[in-house]
Amino acid sequence: MPKSKLSENLIRLRCSVCKRYNYYTRKKKTLERKLEFKKYCRWCRKHTIHKEAKK
């Protein structure tokens, strides 16, 4: 079964403190660097750095 175009560039964001996957986002294929955002983690109960993780 072929992958849909929607899931091709879908990535997971992982909390750098508790290592849980909290968010999903999209990324352009041409972007070489890994994404990094400061987002709220409901398990840590604070804003932490969330980095792109492997699928």
N, C-alpha and C. Protein backbone atom coordinates (compact mmCIF):
# COMPACT_ATOMS: atom_id res chain seq x y z
N MET A 1 0.84 -1.18 0.00
CA MET A 1 0.00 0.00 0.00
C MET A 1 0.88 1.25 0.00
N PRO A 2 0.73 2.14 -0.97
CA PRO A 2 1.59 3.32 -1.04
C PRO A 2 1.27 4.33 0.05
N LYS A 3 2.31 5.04 0.47
CA LYS A 3 2.12 6.09 1.48
C LYS A 3 1.38 7.26 0.87
N SER A 4 0.58 7.91 1.67
CA SER A 4 -0.11 9.09 1.18
C SER A 4 0.85 10.29 1.21
N LYS A 5 0.54 11.30 0.46
CA LYS A 5 1.38 12.50 0.44
C LYS A 5 1.35 13.23 1.77
N LEU A 6 0.29 13.04 2.53
CA LEU A 6 0.17 13.73 3.81
C LEU A 6 1.17 13.18 4.83
N SER A 7 1.42 11.90 4.82
CA SER A 7 2.28 11.30 5.83
C SER A 7 3.76 11.30 5.44
N GLU A 8 4.08 11.68 4.21
CA GLU A 8 5.46 11.66 3.75
C GLU A 8 6.35 12.63 4.53
N ASN A 9 5.84 13.81 4.82
CA ASN A 9 6.68 14.79 5.51
C ASN A 9 6.20 15.06 6.93
N LEU A 10 5.50 14.12 7.52
CA LEU A 10 5.03 14.25 8.89
C LEU A 10 6.13 13.78 9.84
N ILE A 11 6.45 14.60 10.84
CA ILE A 11 7.49 14.24 11.80
C ILE A 11 6.95 14.36 13.21
N ARG A 12 7.61 13.67 14.14
CA ARG A 12 7.23 13.73 15.55
C ARG A 12 8.20 14.64 16.29
N LEU A 13 7.67 15.34 17.28
CA LEU A 13 8.50 16.18 18.14
C LEU A 13 8.56 15.54 19.51
N ARG A 14 9.76 15.46 20.06
CA ARG A 14 9.99 14.76 21.32
C ARG A 14 10.56 15.71 22.36
N CYS A 15 10.02 15.64 23.55
CA CYS A 15 10.49 16.48 24.66
C CYS A 15 11.92 16.09 25.02
N SER A 16 12.78 17.07 25.19
CA SER A 16 14.18 16.79 25.52
C SER A 16 14.38 16.44 26.99
N VAL A 17 13.38 16.70 27.83
CA VAL A 17 13.50 16.42 29.26
C VAL A 17 12.95 15.02 29.59
N CYS A 18 11.69 14.78 29.27
CA CYS A 18 11.08 13.50 29.65
C CYS A 18 11.08 12.47 28.51
N LYS A 19 11.48 12.87 27.30
CA LYS A 19 11.61 11.99 26.13
C LYS A 19 10.29 11.43 25.61
N ARG A 20 9.20 12.11 25.87
CA ARG A 20 7.90 11.67 25.35
C ARG A 20 7.58 12.41 24.07
N TYR A 21 6.81 11.73 23.21
CA TYR A 21 6.38 12.33 21.95
C TYR A 21 5.08 13.08 22.19
N ASN A 22 5.10 14.40 22.02
CA ASN A 22 3.95 15.23 22.36
C ASN A 22 3.29 15.87 21.15
N TYR A 23 4.05 16.14 20.11
CA TYR A 23 3.52 16.90 18.98
C TYR A 23 3.91 16.25 17.66
N TYR A 24 3.10 16.54 16.63
CA TYR A 24 3.38 16.16 15.25
C TYR A 24 3.34 17.42 14.41
N THR A 25 4.19 17.50 13.41
CA THR A 25 4.21 18.65 12.52
C THR A 25 4.69 18.20 11.15
N ARG A 26 4.72 19.12 10.21
CA ARG A 26 5.19 18.83 8.85
C ARG A 26 6.49 19.57 8.58
N LYS A 27 7.27 19.01 7.68
CA LYS A 27 8.56 19.60 7.35
C LYS A 27 8.80 19.46 5.85
N LYS A 28 9.37 20.48 5.26
CA LYS A 28 9.72 20.41 3.84
C LYS A 28 10.88 19.45 3.64
N LYS A 29 10.85 18.72 2.53
CA LYS A 29 11.90 17.75 2.24
C LYS A 29 13.25 18.43 2.00
N THR A 30 13.24 19.66 1.53
CA THR A 30 14.49 20.35 1.20
C THR A 30 15.23 20.86 2.43
N LEU A 31 14.58 20.90 3.57
CA LEU A 31 15.20 21.40 4.80
C LEU A 31 16.11 20.33 5.38
N GLU A 32 17.40 20.63 5.50
CA GLU A 32 18.38 19.65 5.95
C GLU A 32 18.48 19.53 7.48
N ARG A 33 18.37 20.66 8.17
CA ARG A 33 18.56 20.63 9.63
C ARG A 33 17.33 20.07 10.33
N LYS A 34 17.53 19.62 11.58
CA LYS A 34 16.42 19.11 12.37
C LYS A 34 15.66 20.25 13.02
N LEU A 35 14.36 20.09 13.12
CA LEU A 35 13.54 21.14 13.72
C LEU A 35 13.65 21.10 15.23
N GLU A 36 13.48 22.27 15.84
CA GLU A 36 13.55 22.39 17.29
C GLU A 36 12.64 23.54 17.71
N PHE A 37 11.70 23.26 18.62
CA PHE A 37 10.75 24.25 19.08
C PHE A 37 10.70 24.25 20.60
N LYS A 38 10.32 25.38 21.17
CA LYS A 38 10.06 25.44 22.60
C LYS A 38 8.54 25.36 22.75
N LYS A 39 8.07 24.23 23.29
CA LYS A 39 6.64 23.99 23.40
C LYS A 39 6.31 23.47 24.80
N TYR A 40 5.03 23.48 25.12
CA TYR A 40 4.58 23.03 26.43
C TYR A 40 4.51 21.51 26.49
N CYS A 41 5.06 20.93 27.52
CA CYS A 41 4.99 19.48 27.77
C CYS A 41 4.05 19.26 28.94
N ARG A 42 2.99 18.50 28.70
CA ARG A 42 2.01 18.32 29.77
C ARG A 42 2.49 17.37 30.86
N TRP A 43 3.50 16.54 30.58
CA TRP A 43 4.03 15.66 31.61
C TRP A 43 5.04 16.38 32.49
N CYS A 44 5.84 17.24 31.89
CA CYS A 44 6.79 18.05 32.67
C CYS A 44 6.11 19.26 33.30
N ARG A 45 4.98 19.64 32.75
CA ARG A 45 4.20 20.80 33.19
C ARG A 45 4.97 22.11 33.06
N LYS A 46 5.74 22.23 31.97
CA LYS A 46 6.46 23.46 31.69
C LYS A 46 6.85 23.49 30.22
N HIS A 47 7.33 24.63 29.77
CA HIS A 47 7.80 24.77 28.40
C HIS A 47 9.22 24.21 28.31
N THR A 48 9.41 23.28 27.38
CA THR A 48 10.72 22.66 27.18
C THR A 48 11.03 22.63 25.69
N ILE A 49 12.27 22.30 25.38
CA ILE A 49 12.69 22.16 23.99
C ILE A 49 12.16 20.84 23.44
N HIS A 50 11.54 20.90 22.28
CA HIS A 50 11.05 19.70 21.59
C HIS A 50 11.81 19.58 20.28
N LYS A 51 12.44 18.44 20.05
CA LYS A 51 13.26 18.23 18.87
C LYS A 51 12.63 17.18 17.96
N GLU A 52 13.00 17.26 16.71
CA GLU A 52 12.54 16.28 15.72
C GLU A 52 13.12 14.90 16.07
N ALA A 53 12.29 13.88 15.98
CA ALA A 53 12.72 12.52 16.32
C ALA A 53 12.58 11.63 15.09
N LYS A 54 13.26 10.48 15.14
CA LYS A 54 13.15 9.51 14.05
C LYS A 54 11.78 8.87 14.05
N LYS A 55 11.39 8.38 12.90
CA LYS A 55 10.09 7.70 12.81
C LYS A 55 10.14 6.31 13.35
